[in-house]
Amino acid sequence: MGFQFSKPWNKNAEEQKQLMYSRIQFERQIIMQNQMRERQMAMQFAWSREFVKYFGSFFIVTTVGLTVGAIKRKKPELLAPIVPLGFILAFQLDTAYGTLVQRMRGEAENIMASEKDCLDLPLGTPTFESIEKVRCAKSGRIPFLEK
C-alpha cells in the first residue's frame, strides 16, 4: 500500500531533481558566457593599449620631424598632419585609458530604455519554426514540425 503513495512522490522528486539540474546547467552557461565576454573585452583593452604605445611613438616621431621640417624650410603647412593624427591619438587614449567605455555603456543603456524600437530585428525575432523552415529548405528535408 505504501508503494502506491510513494510512486507519485518519487516522480515529483525526480522532476524536482531534473529542474534543479537544468537550473544549475543554465546558471553555469550564463557564468561561462559572461567570463568569455569579460575575456574578450580584456583583450580589446589590451589591444587598444598596445596600439596607443605604437601609435603614440609614431605620433611623437612624426610631430618632431614635421616641426623640424617646418622650421627649417619655413613652411608652416607641414604641421597640418599633426591635427588629424592628434585626434586619432586622443581617441585611442580615451579608448585605452579613458572613460569611453563607460560613456558608451551609458548611451547603450539609454537606447535600450528609451529607443527600444531601434533594436528590433527585421522580420522580428527568429523562432524555432522559422529556423527549421530555412534549415529544411536548404537540406531538402521535411520540416520537423510537419512529421
Protein backbone atom coordinates (compact mmCIF):
# COMPACT_ATOMS: atom_id res chain seq x y z
CA MET A 1 0.00 0.00 0.00
CA GLY A 2 2.82 2.41 0.81
CA PHE A 3 4.33 1.66 -2.58
CA GLN A 4 1.32 3.23 -4.36
CA PHE A 5 1.74 6.51 -2.47
CA SER A 6 5.49 6.66 -2.99
CA LYS A 7 5.28 6.37 -6.79
CA PRO A 8 3.82 9.88 -7.37
CA TRP A 9 6.12 11.30 -4.72
CA ASN A 10 9.18 9.69 -6.36
CA LYS A 11 8.06 11.04 -9.74
CA ASN A 12 7.67 14.54 -8.28
CA ALA A 13 11.09 14.28 -6.60
CA GLU A 14 12.64 13.17 -9.88
CA GLU A 15 11.06 16.14 -11.68
CA GLN A 16 12.41 18.46 -8.99
CA LYS A 17 15.90 16.98 -9.41
CA GLN A 18 15.70 17.42 -13.18
CA LEU A 19 14.52 21.02 -12.77
CA MET A 20 17.34 21.73 -10.33
CA TYR A 21 19.89 20.16 -12.70
CA SER A 22 18.55 22.25 -15.60
CA ARG A 23 18.77 25.39 -13.48
CA ILE A 24 22.37 24.63 -12.48
CA GLN A 25 23.27 23.99 -16.14
CA PHE A 26 21.64 27.27 -17.15
CA GLU A 27 23.48 29.21 -14.42
CA ARG A 28 26.79 27.66 -15.48
CA GLN A 29 26.13 28.61 -19.09
CA ILE A 30 25.40 32.22 -18.10
CA ILE A 31 28.57 32.36 -15.99
CA MET A 32 30.65 30.85 -18.81
CA GLN A 33 29.25 33.30 -21.38
CA ASN A 34 29.94 36.22 -19.06
CA GLN A 35 33.51 35.05 -18.46
CA MET A 36 34.04 34.75 -22.21
CA ARG A 37 32.64 38.28 -22.70
CA GLU A 38 34.95 39.62 -19.97
CA ARG A 39 37.97 37.93 -21.56
CA GLN A 40 37.11 39.34 -24.98
CA MET A 41 36.74 42.83 -23.53
CA ALA A 42 40.05 42.47 -21.69
CA MET A 43 41.71 41.50 -24.98
CA GLN A 44 40.17 44.57 -26.65
CA PHE A 45 41.51 46.83 -23.89
CA ALA A 46 44.93 45.19 -24.13
CA TRP A 47 44.92 45.65 -27.92
CA SER A 48 43.96 49.32 -27.55
CA ARG A 49 46.73 49.92 -25.03
CA GLU A 50 49.31 48.28 -27.27
CA PHE A 51 48.06 50.31 -30.23
CA VAL A 52 48.43 53.52 -28.18
CA LYS A 53 52.06 52.65 -27.44
CA TYR A 54 52.92 52.15 -31.11
CA PHE A 55 50.78 54.98 -32.45
CA GLY A 56 51.99 57.31 -29.69
CA SER A 57 55.59 56.62 -30.71
CA PHE A 58 54.71 57.22 -34.36
CA PHE A 59 52.91 60.44 -33.43
CA ILE A 60 55.90 61.77 -31.45
CA VAL A 61 58.41 60.95 -34.19
CA THR A 62 56.13 62.44 -36.85
CA THR A 63 55.43 65.58 -34.82
CA VAL A 64 59.13 66.18 -34.14
CA GLY A 65 60.03 65.53 -37.78
CA LEU A 66 57.29 67.77 -39.16
CA THR A 67 58.10 70.54 -36.68
CA VAL A 68 61.79 70.45 -37.54
CA GLY A 69 60.96 70.38 -41.27
CA ALA A 70 58.52 73.28 -40.90
CA ILE A 71 61.09 75.38 -39.02
CA LYS A 72 63.99 74.60 -41.37
CA ARG A 73 62.02 75.12 -44.58
CA LYS A 74 59.84 77.87 -43.15
CA LYS A 75 56.69 76.07 -44.34
CA PRO A 76 54.06 76.01 -41.55
CA GLU A 77 51.73 73.91 -43.73
CA LEU A 78 53.95 70.93 -42.90
CA LEU A 79 52.36 71.00 -39.43
CA ALA A 80 48.87 70.27 -40.83
CA PRO A 81 49.04 66.44 -40.48
CA ILE A 82 49.62 66.81 -36.74
CA VAL A 83 45.98 67.87 -36.20
CA PRO A 84 44.24 64.72 -37.54
CA LEU A 85 46.94 62.49 -36.06
CA GLY A 86 46.35 64.21 -32.72
CA PHE A 87 42.61 63.45 -32.90
CA ILE A 88 43.36 59.79 -33.64
CA LEU A 89 45.78 59.62 -30.71
CA ALA A 90 43.25 61.31 -28.39
CA PHE A 91 40.55 58.82 -29.39
CA GLN A 92 42.87 55.86 -28.85
CA LEU A 93 43.95 57.19 -25.46
CA ASP A 94 40.31 57.62 -24.46
CA THR A 95 39.58 54.07 -25.61
CA ALA A 96 42.55 52.53 -23.82
CA TYR A 97 42.76 54.57 -20.61
CA GLY A 98 39.79 56.94 -20.52
CA THR A 99 36.06 56.81 -19.94
CA LEU A 100 34.94 55.95 -23.47
CA VAL A 101 33.62 52.52 -22.44
CA GLN A 102 31.60 53.98 -19.55
CA ARG A 103 30.12 56.64 -21.85
CA MET A 104 29.29 54.01 -24.47
CA ARG A 105 27.67 51.78 -21.82
CA GLY A 106 25.58 54.72 -20.61
CA GLU A 107 24.45 55.54 -24.13
CA ALA A 108 23.63 51.86 -24.79
CA GLU A 109 21.52 51.74 -21.60
CA ASN A 110 19.75 54.93 -22.69
CA ILE A 111 18.98 53.42 -26.12
CA MET A 112 17.70 50.20 -24.52
CA ALA A 113 15.48 52.17 -22.13
CA SER A 114 14.04 54.84 -24.40
CA GLU A 115 14.56 53.71 -28.02
CA LYS A 116 13.64 50.03 -27.86
CA ASP A 117 12.22 50.10 -31.41
CA CYS A 118 15.74 50.71 -32.80
CA LEU A 119 16.75 47.29 -31.52
CA ASP A 120 14.04 45.27 -33.28
CA LEU A 121 15.31 42.80 -35.85
CA PRO A 122 13.89 42.89 -39.37
CA LEU A 123 11.04 40.35 -39.57
CA GLY A 124 11.11 40.01 -35.75
CA THR A 125 12.96 37.60 -33.51
CA PRO A 126 13.79 34.27 -35.15
CA THR A 127 11.63 31.39 -33.94
CA PHE A 128 12.25 27.67 -33.93
CA GLU A 129 9.77 27.31 -36.76
CA SER A 130 11.43 29.95 -38.97
CA ILE A 131 14.88 28.45 -38.42
CA GLU A 132 13.61 24.93 -39.05
CA LYS A 133 11.93 26.09 -42.27
CA VAL A 134 15.17 27.57 -43.63
CA ARG A 135 17.25 24.58 -42.50
CA CYS A 136 14.92 22.13 -44.19
CA ALA A 137 14.70 24.22 -47.36
CA LYS A 138 18.50 24.13 -47.67
CA SER A 139 18.78 20.42 -46.99
CA GLY A 140 15.66 19.37 -48.91
CA ARG A 141 14.18 17.64 -45.85
CA ILE A 142 10.64 17.73 -44.47
CA PRO A 143 10.36 20.17 -41.55
CA PHE A 144 10.46 18.58 -38.10
CA LEU A 145 7.05 20.00 -37.19
CA GLU A 146 5.29 18.51 -40.21
CA LYS A 147 6.21 14.91 -39.45
